[in-house]
Structures are given as C-alpha cells and as structure tokens.
Amino acid sequence: MSTREEDIPGYDAIIVGGGPAGLSAALILGRCRRRVLVCDSGQYRNHAAREMHGFLSRDGIAPSELRRIAREQLAPYGVEIRESAVTDVRRGARRFEVTLEGGERLRCRKLLLATGLVDRLPELPGLPAMYGKSVHHCPYCDGWEARDQAIGVYGQGGTGVSLAVNMKTWSDDVVLFTDGPASLSRSDADRLARHRIGVREERVARLEGRDGMLERVVLEDGSAVERRSLFVKAKQEQGADLAERLRCTVTEERGVETVAEHEETTREGVFVAGDASKEVLLAIVAAAEGAAAAFGINCALQEEELA
C-alpha cells in the first residue's frame, strides 16, 4: 500500500553524515529552532586514526570522543540522530524524500550532504595493520608526529613527487617509493635531486614492523629500506552516490561542486559540507563548512517563511 506524502515524517533539514561537518551543521540549525535529523552510517574516513590534530581546542582528541562530545552538545536543541545510512534520495514536488536502511522514508525541505570521502589505499602487505599508526595519507594530520623521522612516501608520477617534496617540511630524510619504473619528467627528477630525496623504483614486496609501527619497506629484490613512517597518495572516492542521484555536479578533482554562497550545490536546496566537496581536507575545515552550510540552509528557509 502506498504512503501519502503528507503522512511521511518531515524535517526542516536532513543531514546525511555524522562527522564534524554534519554535527557542526546540526548544532547551528538546532540553535535556529529547526527540526533536524542527522543520519549517521557509522562509516568515517578517519576510522583508523587514534587521534585528530589541527582542531583548535581539541588537538589530539580521539575522533570518537569528538563525536561523543558533539552529540552531547546537540541534545539541548532537540536534534534527532539516527544510526542509519541513507540508501536513496529524490526530489519531490515540494520536498526531498529520503530513504533509510530498512526502507523507512522521510521528507525534508533542505538536504545537506556531509558524506565525506573514502580513501582507496594501495594494496601493500602489512599496510592495513599500520594504517593510522605509522602509515598515513595526510601530512597536516600526522606530519608532526613523524617529524625528524626516516619518512617514506609511496606514490607515482607528479603527485608522488609533490607529496615527497612536501614531506621535507617535517623531515630531512625522505625516500620516494614508486613501486615500479618512476618515469619521471626532467623537471620532477630535478626537483627530487634538488631537495635530496632518494627514489626507489623497485617493486614493494611488503611493509614490516611491530605493533603497527613501521620498521622497514621490503622491496621485491629482497633489499629493505629502514623507515619509521610512510605517507601514501591514496585515491579518493565519494562516500556516497547521493549527489549523483540528485544530479548535482560532481567532478573527480573538485568533488561535489558548489555554485552559490554557503555551500549550496548545483541543485537548489541541496547543500554540501566537508570532504565531499574536496576543498581543504581537514576536520576543522569540515566543521566550518558545516556551519556555513547550516547558515545557508536557515537563510533559505527564512526566505520561504518570512518573504
């Protein structure tokens, strides 16, 4: 039996994603007396991280603890949180219709996508046990902890070269592992030489260490290079396909694109915040974008209500 649209529970805004961007937006909208739902799938980009860094007043906090505090601070404002992924979203005549796991349907006036990114890490034996401890993808998040260590960089082409050069900010001892022929341009080769960055083109066989801490990168020929940290250039994918379902503009380089003020996408009424928009990929920036999106959402609602 079909359900009439007016019988489907409605919200002023539904926020898809329960990380820093989504929770920050929920706080602002809750304080604006909006009926808000946060849908949290429990999948977080920094799931392997023991600590977060660069977040003012919370430097070094565990990501799970940040989320716990944020949820606690949302409670006085009546923000609803569901532990559920969103499986579908559609634009209706006047509202968005959101489908949760299990098939429940909900309506909202505005929609915020805070679904983040997924990092596709290289398939290196030994890497999974070290990821988030001594293998990382973000220098700004974990470079300080690797300062003055023997650092390895895993990457190919110009992106690998750029990451290797950037790591010189944190250590003088940097080696680039290309896992096969480097095929460097003359300018990239000169750049590495100028900054005294070694290059190993042998295939990487595995990473070795103990208790999640890297000790050496073992190459296919049996040789090993002592390293204490490894930074990898991970491929990034959208954490959900909801933007595509809504026909928002999404590009590999820029993620979900914004065209209006305050994080609104190419689809009116759909906003984006956090890593999904591929701006500066830091938790504190995601939180700031969430606040900006919430401001934009409330302004749009006010225009409808108070015109």
C-alpha atoms as a PDB file:
ATOM      1  CA  MET A   1       0.000   0.000   0.000  1.00  0.00           C
ATOM      2  CA  SER A   2       1.435   3.391  -0.965  1.00  0.00           C
ATOM      3  CA  THR A   3       2.055   6.071   1.631  1.00  0.00           C
ATOM      4  CA  ARG A   4       0.692   9.552   1.044  1.00  0.00           C
ATOM      5  CA  GLU A   5       3.386  12.240   1.008  1.00  0.00           C
ATOM      6  CA  GLU A   6       1.720  14.144   3.840  1.00  0.00           C
ATOM      7  CA  ASP A   7       1.915  11.026   6.030  1.00  0.00           C
ATOM      8  CA  ILE A   8       5.711  10.744   5.718  1.00  0.00           C
ATOM      9  CA  PRO A   9       7.568  12.316   8.695  1.00  0.00           C
ATOM     10  CA  GLY A  10       9.037  15.688   7.743  1.00  0.00           C
ATOM     11  CA  TYR A  11      12.015  17.792   8.818  1.00  0.00           C
ATOM     12  CA  ASP A  12      13.300  21.250   8.049  1.00  0.00           C
ATOM     13  CA  ALA A  13      16.643  19.667   7.177  1.00  0.00           C
ATOM     14  CA  ILE A  14      18.104  16.202   6.956  1.00  0.00           C
ATOM     15  CA  ILE A  15      21.865  15.940   7.304  1.00  0.00           C
ATOM     16  CA  VAL A  16      23.463  12.860   5.762  1.00  0.00           C
ATOM     17  CA  GLY A  17      26.672  12.172   7.650  1.00  0.00           C
ATOM     18  CA  GLY A  18      27.637  12.270  11.313  1.00  0.00           C
ATOM     19  CA  GLY A  19      31.214  13.527  11.180  1.00  0.00           C
ATOM     20  CA  PRO A  20      32.495  17.039  12.004  1.00  0.00           C
ATOM     21  CA  ALA A  21      30.686  18.663   9.057  1.00  0.00           C
ATOM     22  CA  GLY A  22      27.305  17.115   9.742  1.00  0.00           C
ATOM     23  CA  LEU A  23      27.404  17.575  13.507  1.00  0.00           C
ATOM     24  CA  SER A  24      28.562  21.184  13.215  1.00  0.00           C
ATOM     25  CA  ALA A  25      25.682  21.948  10.848  1.00  0.00           C
ATOM     26  CA  ALA A  26      23.246  20.238  13.208  1.00  0.00           C
ATOM     27  CA  LEU A  27      24.381  22.454  16.087  1.00  0.00           C
ATOM     28  CA  ILE A  28      23.761  25.683  14.171  1.00  0.00           C
ATOM     29  CA  LEU A  29      20.401  24.533  12.804  1.00  0.00           C
ATOM     30  CA  GLY A  30      19.303  23.232  16.186  1.00  0.00           C
ATOM     31  CA  ARG A  31      20.017  26.633  17.693  1.00  0.00           C
ATOM     32  CA  CYS A  32      17.879  28.121  14.924  1.00  0.00           C
ATOM     33  CA  ARG A  33      14.964  26.061  16.274  1.00  0.00           C
ATOM     34  CA  ARG A  34      14.878  23.884  13.191  1.00  0.00           C
ATOM     35  CA  ARG A  35      13.637  20.317  13.166  1.00  0.00           C
ATOM     36  CA  VAL A  36      16.796  18.478  12.170  1.00  0.00           C
ATOM     37  CA  LEU A  37      17.699  14.851  11.582  1.00  0.00           C
ATOM     38  CA  VAL A  38      21.270  13.569  11.333  1.00  0.00           C
ATOM     39  CA  CYS A  39      21.644  10.214   9.568  1.00  0.00           C
ATOM     40  CA  ASP A  40      24.907   8.588  10.638  1.00  0.00           C
ATOM     41  CA  SER A  41      26.020   5.433   8.821  1.00  0.00           C
ATOM     42  CA  GLY A  42      28.878   4.870  11.273  1.00  0.00           C
ATOM     43  CA  GLN A  43      31.412   4.916   8.426  1.00  0.00           C
ATOM     44  CA  TYR A  44      34.104   7.556   8.973  1.00  0.00           C
ATOM     45  CA  ARG A  45      37.092   8.462   6.833  1.00  0.00           C
ATOM     46  CA  ASN A  46      39.341   8.708   9.895  1.00  0.00           C
ATOM     47  CA  HIS A  47      38.173   5.394  11.365  1.00  0.00           C
ATOM     48  CA  ALA A  48      41.750   4.146  11.725  1.00  0.00           C
ATOM     49  CA  ALA A  49      43.082   7.306  13.379  1.00  0.00           C
ATOM     50  CA  ARG A  50      43.818   7.196  17.080  1.00  0.00           C
ATOM     51  CA  GLU A  51      43.972  10.984  17.329  1.00  0.00           C
ATOM     52  CA  MET A  52      42.823  14.074  15.441  1.00  0.00           C
ATOM     53  CA  HIS A  53      45.101  17.064  15.046  1.00  0.00           C
ATOM     54  CA  GLY A  54      44.792  20.667  13.991  1.00  0.00           C
ATOM     55  CA  PHE A  55      41.342  21.056  15.568  1.00  0.00           C
ATOM     56  CA  LEU A  56      41.523  24.131  17.798  1.00  0.00           C
ATOM     57  CA  SER A  57      40.879  23.267  21.475  1.00  0.00           C
ATOM     58  CA  ARG A  58      40.669  19.549  20.597  1.00  0.00           C
ATOM     59  CA  ASP A  59      44.165  18.818  19.268  1.00  0.00           C
ATOM     60  CA  GLY A  60      44.996  15.175  19.904  1.00  0.00           C
ATOM     61  CA  ILE A  61      41.446  14.072  20.688  1.00  0.00           C
ATOM     62  CA  ALA A  62      40.220  10.677  19.510  1.00  0.00           C
ATOM     63  CA  PRO A  63      37.734  11.082  16.632  1.00  0.00           C
ATOM     64  CA  SER A  64      35.152   9.022  18.510  1.00  0.00           C
ATOM     65  CA  GLU A  65      35.476  11.307  21.534  1.00  0.00           C
ATOM     66  CA  LEU A  66      34.940  14.407  19.394  1.00  0.00           C
ATOM     67  CA  ARG A  67      31.754  12.873  18.020  1.00  0.00           C
ATOM     68  CA  ARG A  68      30.602  11.929  21.524  1.00  0.00           C
ATOM     69  CA  ILE A  69      31.078  15.467  22.811  1.00  0.00           C
ATOM     70  CA  ALA A  70      29.362  16.925  19.753  1.00  0.00           C
ATOM     71  CA  ARG A  71      26.339  14.664  20.161  1.00  0.00           C
ATOM     72  CA  GLU A  72      26.147  15.536  23.840  1.00  0.00           C
ATOM     73  CA  GLN A  73      26.092  19.233  22.986  1.00  0.00           C
ATOM     74  CA  LEU A  74      23.322  18.703  20.418  1.00  0.00           C
ATOM     75  CA  ALA A  75      20.941  17.221  22.978  1.00  0.00           C
ATOM     76  CA  PRO A  76      19.525  20.514  24.374  1.00  0.00           C
ATOM     77  CA  TYR A  77      18.478  21.612  20.885  1.00  0.00           C
ATOM     78  CA  GLY A  78      16.294  18.644  20.032  1.00  0.00           C
ATOM     79  CA  VAL A  79      18.423  17.406  17.149  1.00  0.00           C
ATOM     80  CA  GLU A  80      17.445  13.851  16.206  1.00  0.00           C
ATOM     81  CA  ILE A  81      20.144  11.327  15.304  1.00  0.00           C
ATOM     82  CA  ARG A  82      19.527   8.034  13.539  1.00  0.00           C
ATOM     83  CA  GLU A  83      22.191   5.333  13.300  1.00  0.00           C
ATOM     84  CA  SER A  84      21.409   4.596   9.677  1.00  0.00           C
ATOM     85  CA  ALA A  85      22.781   5.065   6.200  1.00  0.00           C
ATOM     86  CA  VAL A  86      20.692   6.789   3.551  1.00  0.00           C
ATOM     87  CA  THR A  87      20.128   4.478   0.603  1.00  0.00           C
ATOM     88  CA  ASP A  88      18.191   6.804  -1.699  1.00  0.00           C
ATOM     89  CA  VAL A  89      17.100  10.408  -2.018  1.00  0.00           C
ATOM     90  CA  ARG A  90      14.727  12.000  -4.501  1.00  0.00           C
ATOM     91  CA  ARG A  91      13.457  15.463  -5.221  1.00  0.00           C
ATOM     92  CA  GLY A  92       9.679  15.661  -4.978  1.00  0.00           C
ATOM     93  CA  ALA A  93       7.355  18.465  -5.975  1.00  0.00           C
ATOM     94  CA  ARG A  94       7.925  20.384  -2.749  1.00  0.00           C
ATOM     95  CA  ARG A  95      10.212  18.263  -0.595  1.00  0.00           C
ATOM     96  CA  PHE A  96      13.099  15.852  -0.716  1.00  0.00           C
ATOM     97  CA  GLU A  97      12.274  12.251   0.049  1.00  0.00           C
ATOM     98  CA  VAL A  98      14.989  10.341   1.885  1.00  0.00           C
ATOM     99  CA  THR A  99      15.031   6.554   2.245  1.00  0.00           C
ATOM    100  CA  LEU A 100      16.873   4.951   5.144  1.00  0.00           C
ATOM    101  CA  GLU A 101      18.250   1.443   5.512  1.00  0.00           C
ATOM    102  CA  GLY A 102      15.294  -0.788   6.125  1.00  0.00           C
ATOM    103  CA  GLY A 103      13.097   1.213   3.767  1.00  0.00           C
ATOM    104  CA  GLU A 104      11.758   3.963   6.026  1.00  0.00           C
ATOM    105  CA  ARG A 105      11.008   7.150   4.095  1.00  0.00           C
ATOM    106  CA  LEU A 106      11.335  10.689   5.416  1.00  0.00           C
ATOM    107  CA  ARG A 107      10.772  14.156   3.975  1.00  0.00           C
ATOM    108  CA  CYS A 108      12.751  17.363   4.334  1.00  0.00           C
ATOM    109  CA  ARG A 109      12.763  20.896   2.982  1.00  0.00           C
ATOM    110  CA  LYS A 110      16.538  21.138   2.656  1.00  0.00           C
ATOM    111  CA  LEU A 111      19.218  18.484   2.394  1.00  0.00           C
ATOM    112  CA  LEU A 112      22.849  18.587   3.494  1.00  0.00           C
ATOM    113  CA  LEU A 113      25.298  16.036   2.125  1.00  0.00           C
ATOM    114  CA  ALA A 114      28.136  15.543   4.602  1.00  0.00           C
ATOM    115  CA  THR A 115      29.007  12.087   3.322  1.00  0.00           C
ATOM    116  CA  GLY A 116      32.765  12.550   3.073  1.00  0.00           C
ATOM    117  CA  LEU A 117      35.279  10.595   1.043  1.00  0.00           C
ATOM    118  CA  VAL A 118      36.648   7.057   1.036  1.00  0.00           C
ATOM    119  CA  ASP A 119      40.402   6.530   0.704  1.00  0.00           C
ATOM    120  CA  ARG A 120      41.418   3.646  -1.551  1.00  0.00           C
ATOM    121  CA  LEU A 121      44.788   2.666  -0.152  1.00  0.00           C
ATOM    122  CA  PRO A 122      47.466   0.778  -2.083  1.00  0.00           C
ATOM    123  CA  GLU A 123      47.299  -2.984  -1.622  1.00  0.00           C
ATOM    124  CA  LEU A 124      50.578  -3.498   0.189  1.00  0.00           C
ATOM    125  CA  PRO A 125      51.076  -6.478   2.513  1.00  0.00           C
ATOM    126  CA  GLY A 126      51.460  -5.172   6.051  1.00  0.00           C
ATOM    127  CA  LEU A 127      49.801  -1.812   5.393  1.00  0.00           C
ATOM    128  CA  PRO A 128      46.362  -2.420   6.982  1.00  0.00           C
ATOM    129  CA  ALA A 129      47.817  -3.123  10.432  1.00  0.00           C
ATOM    130  CA  MET A 130      49.910   0.066  10.277  1.00  0.00           C
ATOM    131  CA  TYR A 131      47.365   2.459   8.805  1.00  0.00           C
ATOM    132  CA  GLY A 132      46.556   5.219  11.260  1.00  0.00           C
ATOM    133  CA  LYS A 133      49.606   4.412  13.394  1.00  0.00           C
ATOM    134  CA  SER A 134      52.696   4.766  11.223  1.00  0.00           C
ATOM    135  CA  VAL A 135      51.199   4.792   7.723  1.00  0.00           C
ATOM    136  CA  HIS A 136      49.205   7.901   6.853  1.00  0.00           C
ATOM    137  CA  HIS A 137      47.809   9.845   3.919  1.00  0.00           C
ATOM    138  CA  CYS A 138      47.625  13.383   5.377  1.00  0.00           C
ATOM    139  CA  PRO A 139      50.802  15.313   6.295  1.00  0.00           C
ATOM    140  CA  TYR A 140      48.797  18.047   8.001  1.00  0.00           C
ATOM    141  CA  CYS A 141      47.120  15.475  10.229  1.00  0.00           C
ATOM    142  CA  ASP A 142      50.132  13.326  11.077  1.00  0.00           C
ATOM    143  CA  GLY A 143      53.294  15.039   9.844  1.00  0.00           C
ATOM    144  CA  TRP A 144      54.195  16.480  13.247  1.00  0.00           C
ATOM    145  CA  GLU A 145      54.230  13.021  14.815  1.00  0.00           C
ATOM    146  CA  ALA A 146      56.656  11.882  12.085  1.00  0.00           C
ATOM    147  CA  ARG A 147      58.948  14.900  12.396  1.00  0.00           C
ATOM    148  CA  ASP A 148      62.669  14.208  12.046  1.00  0.00           C
ATOM    149  CA  GLN A 149      61.993  10.523  11.366  1.00  0.00           C
ATOM    150  CA  ALA A 150      63.050   8.449   8.391  1.00  0.00           C
ATOM    151  CA  ILE A 151      59.976   9.002   6.209  1.00  0.00           C
ATOM    152  CA  GLY A 152      58.913   7.038   3.186  1.00  0.00           C
ATOM    153  CA  VAL A 153      56.482   8.269   0.553  1.00  0.00           C
ATOM    154  CA  TYR A 154      54.565   5.848  -1.652  1.00  0.00           C
ATOM    155  CA  GLY A 155      53.324   7.323  -4.916  1.00  0.00           C
ATOM    156  CA  GLN A 156      53.740   7.627  -8.646  1.00  0.00           C
ATOM    157  CA  GLY A 157      54.126  10.449 -11.118  1.00  0.00           C
ATOM    158  CA  GLY A 158      53.857  14.101 -10.262  1.00  0.00           C
ATOM    159  CA  THR A 159      51.542  13.522  -7.298  1.00  0.00           C
ATOM    160  CA  GLY A 160      54.058  11.212  -5.660  1.00  0.00           C
ATOM    161  CA  VAL A 161      56.839  13.720  -6.278  1.00  0.00           C
ATOM    162  CA  SER A 162      54.790  16.558  -4.797  1.00  0.00           C
ATOM    163  CA  LEU A 163      53.982  14.570  -1.666  1.00  0.00           C
ATOM    164  CA  ALA A 164      57.638  13.606  -1.227  1.00  0.00           C
ATOM    165  CA  VAL A 165      58.780  17.215  -1.558  1.00  0.00           C
ATOM    166  CA  ASN A 166      56.072  18.385   0.837  1.00  0.00           C
ATOM    167  CA  MET A 167      57.277  15.918   3.470  1.00  0.00           C
ATOM    168  CA  LYS A 168      60.615  17.749   3.592  1.00  0.00           C
ATOM    169  CA  THR A 169      58.791  20.268   5.781  1.00  0.00           C
ATOM    170  CA  TRP A 170      58.729  17.632   8.526  1.00  0.00           C
ATOM    171  CA  SER A 171      61.962  15.692   7.936  1.00  0.00           C
ATOM    172  CA  ASP A 172      65.212  15.911   6.002  1.00  0.00           C
ATOM    173  CA  ASP A 173      65.220  12.130   5.491  1.00  0.00           C
ATOM    174  CA  VAL A 174      62.636  11.347   2.800  1.00  0.00           C
ATOM    175  CA  VAL A 175      62.653   8.481   0.285  1.00  0.00           C
ATOM    176  CA  LEU A 176      60.108   8.110  -2.528  1.00  0.00           C
ATOM    177  CA  PHE A 177      58.964   4.571  -3.378  1.00  0.00           C
ATOM    178  CA  THR A 178      57.406   4.426  -6.852  1.00  0.00           C
ATOM    179  CA  ASP A 179      56.684   0.655  -6.818  1.00  0.00           C
ATOM    180  CA  GLY A 180      57.919   0.269 -10.373  1.00  0.00           C
ATOM    181  CA  PRO A 181      59.569   2.487 -13.000  1.00  0.00           C
ATOM    182  CA  ALA A 182      59.299   6.102 -11.904  1.00  0.00           C
ATOM    183  CA  SER A 183      59.084   7.525 -15.445  1.00  0.00           C
ATOM    184  CA  LEU A 184      59.789  10.973 -14.065  1.00  0.00           C
ATOM    185  CA  SER A 185      59.808  14.095 -16.150  1.00  0.00           C
ATOM    186  CA  ARG A 186      63.066  16.019 -16.211  1.00  0.00           C
ATOM    187  CA  SER A 187      61.585  18.739 -14.012  1.00  0.00           C
ATOM    188  CA  ASP A 188      60.340  16.202 -11.432  1.00  0.00           C
ATOM    189  CA  ALA A 189      63.702  14.415 -11.385  1.00  0.00           C
ATOM    190  CA  ASP A 190      65.491  17.740 -10.929  1.00  0.00           C
ATOM    191  CA  ARG A 191      63.085  18.684  -8.156  1.00  0.00           C
ATOM    192  CA  LEU A 192      63.770  15.488  -6.219  1.00  0.00           C
ATOM    193  CA  ALA A 193      67.518  15.858  -6.681  1.00  0.00           C
ATOM    194  CA  ARG A 194      67.420  19.490  -5.593  1.00  0.00           C
ATOM    195  CA  HIS A 195      65.716  18.521  -2.336  1.00  0.00           C
ATOM    196  CA  ARG A 196      67.933  15.456  -1.812  1.00  0.00           C
ATOM    197  CA  ILE A 197      65.062  12.967  -1.940  1.00  0.00           C
ATOM    198  CA  GLY A 198      66.046   9.412  -2.781  1.00  0.00           C
ATOM    199  CA  VAL A 199      63.980   7.358  -5.233  1.00  0.00           C
ATOM    200  CA  ARG A 200      63.497   3.592  -5.122  1.00  0.00           C
ATOM    201  CA  GLU A 201      61.872   2.174  -8.254  1.00  0.00           C
ATOM    202  CA  GLU A 202      61.872  -1.500  -7.244  1.00  0.00           C
ATOM    203  CA  ARG A 203      58.533  -3.156  -6.632  1.00  0.00           C
ATOM    204  CA  VAL A 204      57.476  -3.002  -2.991  1.00  0.00           C
ATOM    205  CA  ALA A 205      57.010  -6.505  -1.561  1.00  0.00           C
ATOM    206  CA  ARG A 206      55.691  -5.644   1.906  1.00  0.00           C
ATOM    207  CA  LEU A 207      55.892  -3.405   4.944  1.00  0.00           C
ATOM    208  CA  GLU A 208      57.434  -4.820   8.096  1.00  0.00           C
ATOM    209  CA  GLY A 209      57.199  -3.672  11.680  1.00  0.00           C
ATOM    210  CA  ARG A 210      55.739  -4.471  15.090  1.00  0.00           C
ATOM    211  CA  ASP A 211      52.558  -3.394  16.873  1.00  0.00           C
ATOM    212  CA  GLY A 212      51.507  -1.261  13.942  1.00  0.00           C
ATOM    213  CA  MET A 213      54.774   0.647  13.828  1.00  0.00           C
ATOM    214  CA  LEU A 214      56.699   0.579  10.555  1.00  0.00           C
ATOM    215  CA  GLU A 215      60.331  -0.504  10.671  1.00  0.00           C
ATOM    216  CA  ARG A 216      61.243  -1.179   7.055  1.00  0.00           C
ATOM    217  CA  VAL A 217      59.979  -1.223   3.489  1.00  0.00           C
ATOM    218  CA  VAL A 218      60.956  -4.537   1.896  1.00  0.00           C
ATOM    219  CA  LEU A 219      61.479  -4.499  -1.858  1.00  0.00           C
ATOM    220  CA  GLU A 220      60.910  -7.305  -4.334  1.00  0.00           C
ATOM    221  CA  ASP A 221      64.637  -7.961  -4.750  1.00  0.00           C
ATOM    222  CA  GLY A 222      64.899  -8.704  -1.020  1.00  0.00           C
ATOM    223  CA  SER A 223      66.545  -5.449  -0.015  1.00  0.00           C
ATOM    224  CA  ALA A 224      64.992  -3.334   2.715  1.00  0.00           C
ATOM    225  CA  VAL A 225      64.904   0.382   3.439  1.00  0.00           C
ATOM    226  CA  GLU A 226      64.611   1.387   7.087  1.00  0.00           C
ATOM    227  CA  ARG A 227      61.702   3.784   7.557  1.00  0.00           C
ATOM    228  CA  ARG A 228      59.652   4.829  10.577  1.00  0.00           C
ATOM    229  CA  SER A 229      56.689   6.418   8.795  1.00  0.00           C
ATOM    230  CA  LEU A 230      55.119   6.050   5.379  1.00  0.00           C
ATOM    231  CA  PHE A 231      52.847   8.569   3.688  1.00  0.00           C
ATOM    232  CA  VAL A 232      50.795   7.311   0.772  1.00  0.00           C
ATOM    233  CA  LYS A 233      48.942   9.075  -2.001  1.00  0.00           C
ATOM    234  CA  ALA A 234      45.512   7.492  -1.669  1.00  0.00           C
ATOM    235  CA  LYS A 235      42.861   7.538  -4.359  1.00  0.00           C
ATOM    236  CA  GLN A 236      39.684   9.202  -3.149  1.00  0.00           C
ATOM    237  CA  GLU A 237      36.091   8.339  -3.931  1.00  0.00           C
ATOM    238  CA  GLN A 238      32.828   9.889  -2.809  1.00  0.00           C
ATOM    239  CA  GLY A 239      31.497   8.311   0.372  1.00  0.00           C
ATOM    240  CA  ALA A 240      28.020   8.004  -1.166  1.00  0.00           C
ATOM    241  CA  ASP A 241      26.373   8.367  -4.568  1.00  0.00           C
ATOM    242  CA  LEU A 242      23.546  10.614  -3.352  1.00  0.00           C
ATOM    243  CA  ALA A 243      24.871  13.703  -5.140  1.00  0.00           C
ATOM    244  CA  GLU A 244      24.810  11.852  -8.449  1.00  0.00           C
ATOM    245  CA  ARG A 245      21.299  10.581  -7.743  1.00  0.00           C
ATOM    246  CA  LEU A 246      20.206  14.188  -7.273  1.00  0.00           C
ATOM    247  CA  ARG A 247      22.074  15.213 -10.437  1.00  0.00           C
ATOM    248  CA  CYS A 248      24.406  17.554  -8.618  1.00  0.00           C
ATOM    249  CA  THR A 249      27.603  18.335 -10.486  1.00  0.00           C
ATOM    250  CA  VAL A 250      30.370  16.054  -9.223  1.00  0.00           C
ATOM    251  CA  THR A 251      33.912  16.005 -10.599  1.00  0.00           C
ATOM    252  CA  GLU A 252      36.937  13.903  -9.691  1.00  0.00           C
ATOM    253  CA  GLU A 253      39.034  16.985  -8.997  1.00  0.00           C
ATOM    254  CA  ARG A 254      36.569  19.132  -7.048  1.00  0.00           C
ATOM    255  CA  GLY A 255      34.085  16.626  -5.661  1.00  0.00           C
ATOM    256  CA  VAL A 256      30.520  17.859  -5.205  1.00  0.00           C
ATOM    257  CA  GLU A 257      30.637  21.359  -6.642  1.00  0.00           C
ATOM    258  CA  THR A 258      29.098  24.436  -5.069  1.00  0.00           C
ATOM    259  CA  VAL A 259      27.797  27.314  -7.154  1.00  0.00           C
ATOM    260  CA  ALA A 260      26.093  29.555  -4.629  1.00  0.00           C
ATOM    261  CA  GLU A 261      27.021  31.095  -1.315  1.00  0.00           C
ATOM    262  CA  HIS A 262      27.126  28.985   1.824  1.00  0.00           C
ATOM    263  CA  GLU A 263      27.836  25.585   0.294  1.00  0.00           C
ATOM    264  CA  GLU A 264      24.762  25.185  -1.941  1.00  0.00           C
ATOM    265  CA  THR A 265      25.279  22.768  -4.840  1.00  0.00           C
ATOM    266  CA  THR A 266      24.121  22.960  -8.435  1.00  0.00           C
ATOM    267  CA  ARG A 267      20.745  21.607  -7.250  1.00  0.00           C
ATOM    268  CA  GLU A 268      18.657  24.140  -5.375  1.00  0.00           C
ATOM    269  CA  GLY A 269      18.025  23.108  -1.806  1.00  0.00           C
ATOM    270  CA  VAL A 270      20.917  20.641  -1.718  1.00  0.00           C
ATOM    271  CA  PHE A 271      23.974  21.693   0.270  1.00  0.00           C
ATOM    272  CA  VAL A 272      27.336  20.016   0.792  1.00  0.00           C
ATOM    273  CA  ALA A 273      29.954  20.274   3.537  1.00  0.00           C
ATOM    274  CA  GLY A 274      33.138  18.502   4.491  1.00  0.00           C
ATOM    275  CA  ASP A 275      35.432  16.317   2.432  1.00  0.00           C
ATOM    276  CA  ALA A 276      32.739  15.508  -0.158  1.00  0.00           C
ATOM    277  CA  SER A 277      33.346  18.931  -1.690  1.00  0.00           C
ATOM    278  CA  LYS A 278      37.132  18.366  -1.783  1.00  0.00           C
ATOM    279  CA  GLU A 279      38.167  21.760  -0.505  1.00  0.00           C
ATOM    280  CA  VAL A 280      40.795  21.681   2.255  1.00  0.00           C
ATOM    281  CA  LEU A 281      40.554  18.146   3.657  1.00  0.00           C
ATOM    282  CA  LEU A 282      40.859  18.850   7.381  1.00  0.00           C
ATOM    283  CA  ALA A 283      38.358  18.083  10.135  1.00  0.00           C
ATOM    284  CA  ILE A 284      38.254  21.665  11.372  1.00  0.00           C
ATOM    285  CA  VAL A 285      37.564  22.920   7.846  1.00  0.00           C
ATOM    286  CA  ALA A 286      34.800  20.340   7.500  1.00  0.00           C
ATOM    287  CA  ALA A 287      33.244  21.648  10.705  1.00  0.00           C
ATOM    288  CA  ALA A 288      33.487  25.228   9.426  1.00  0.00           C
ATOM    289  CA  GLU A 289      31.863  24.247   6.129  1.00  0.00           C
ATOM    290  CA  GLY A 290      29.087  22.534   8.076  1.00  0.00           C
ATOM    291  CA  ALA A 291      28.425  25.743   9.990  1.00  0.00           C
ATOM    292  CA  ALA A 292      28.425  27.759   6.747  1.00  0.00           C
ATOM    293  CA  ALA A 293      26.018  25.314   5.116  1.00  0.00           C
ATOM    294  CA  ALA A 294      23.712  25.500   8.124  1.00  0.00           C
ATOM    295  CA  PHE A 295      23.705  29.288   7.844  1.00  0.00           C
ATOM    296  CA  GLY A 296      22.776  28.977   4.174  1.00  0.00           C
ATOM    297  CA  ILE A 297      20.041  26.454   4.899  1.00  0.00           C
ATOM    298  CA  ASN A 298      18.469  28.603   7.591  1.00  0.00           C
ATOM    299  CA  CYS A 299      18.605  31.691   5.369  1.00  0.00           C
ATOM    300  CA  ALA A 300      16.873  29.759   2.581  1.00  0.00           C
ATOM    301  CA  LEU A 301      14.184  28.576   4.985  1.00  0.00           C
ATOM    302  CA  GLN A 302      13.694  32.118   6.263  1.00  0.00           C
ATOM    303  CA  GLU A 303      13.236  33.386   2.721  1.00  0.00           C
ATOM    304  CA  GLU A 304      10.440  30.868   2.234  1.00  0.00           C
ATOM    305  CA  GLU A 305       8.789  31.623   5.564  1.00  0.00           C
ATOM    306  CA  LEU A 306       9.274  35.355   6.018  1.00  0.00           C
ATOM    307  CA  ALA A 307       9.117  36.760   2.497  1.00  0.00           C
END
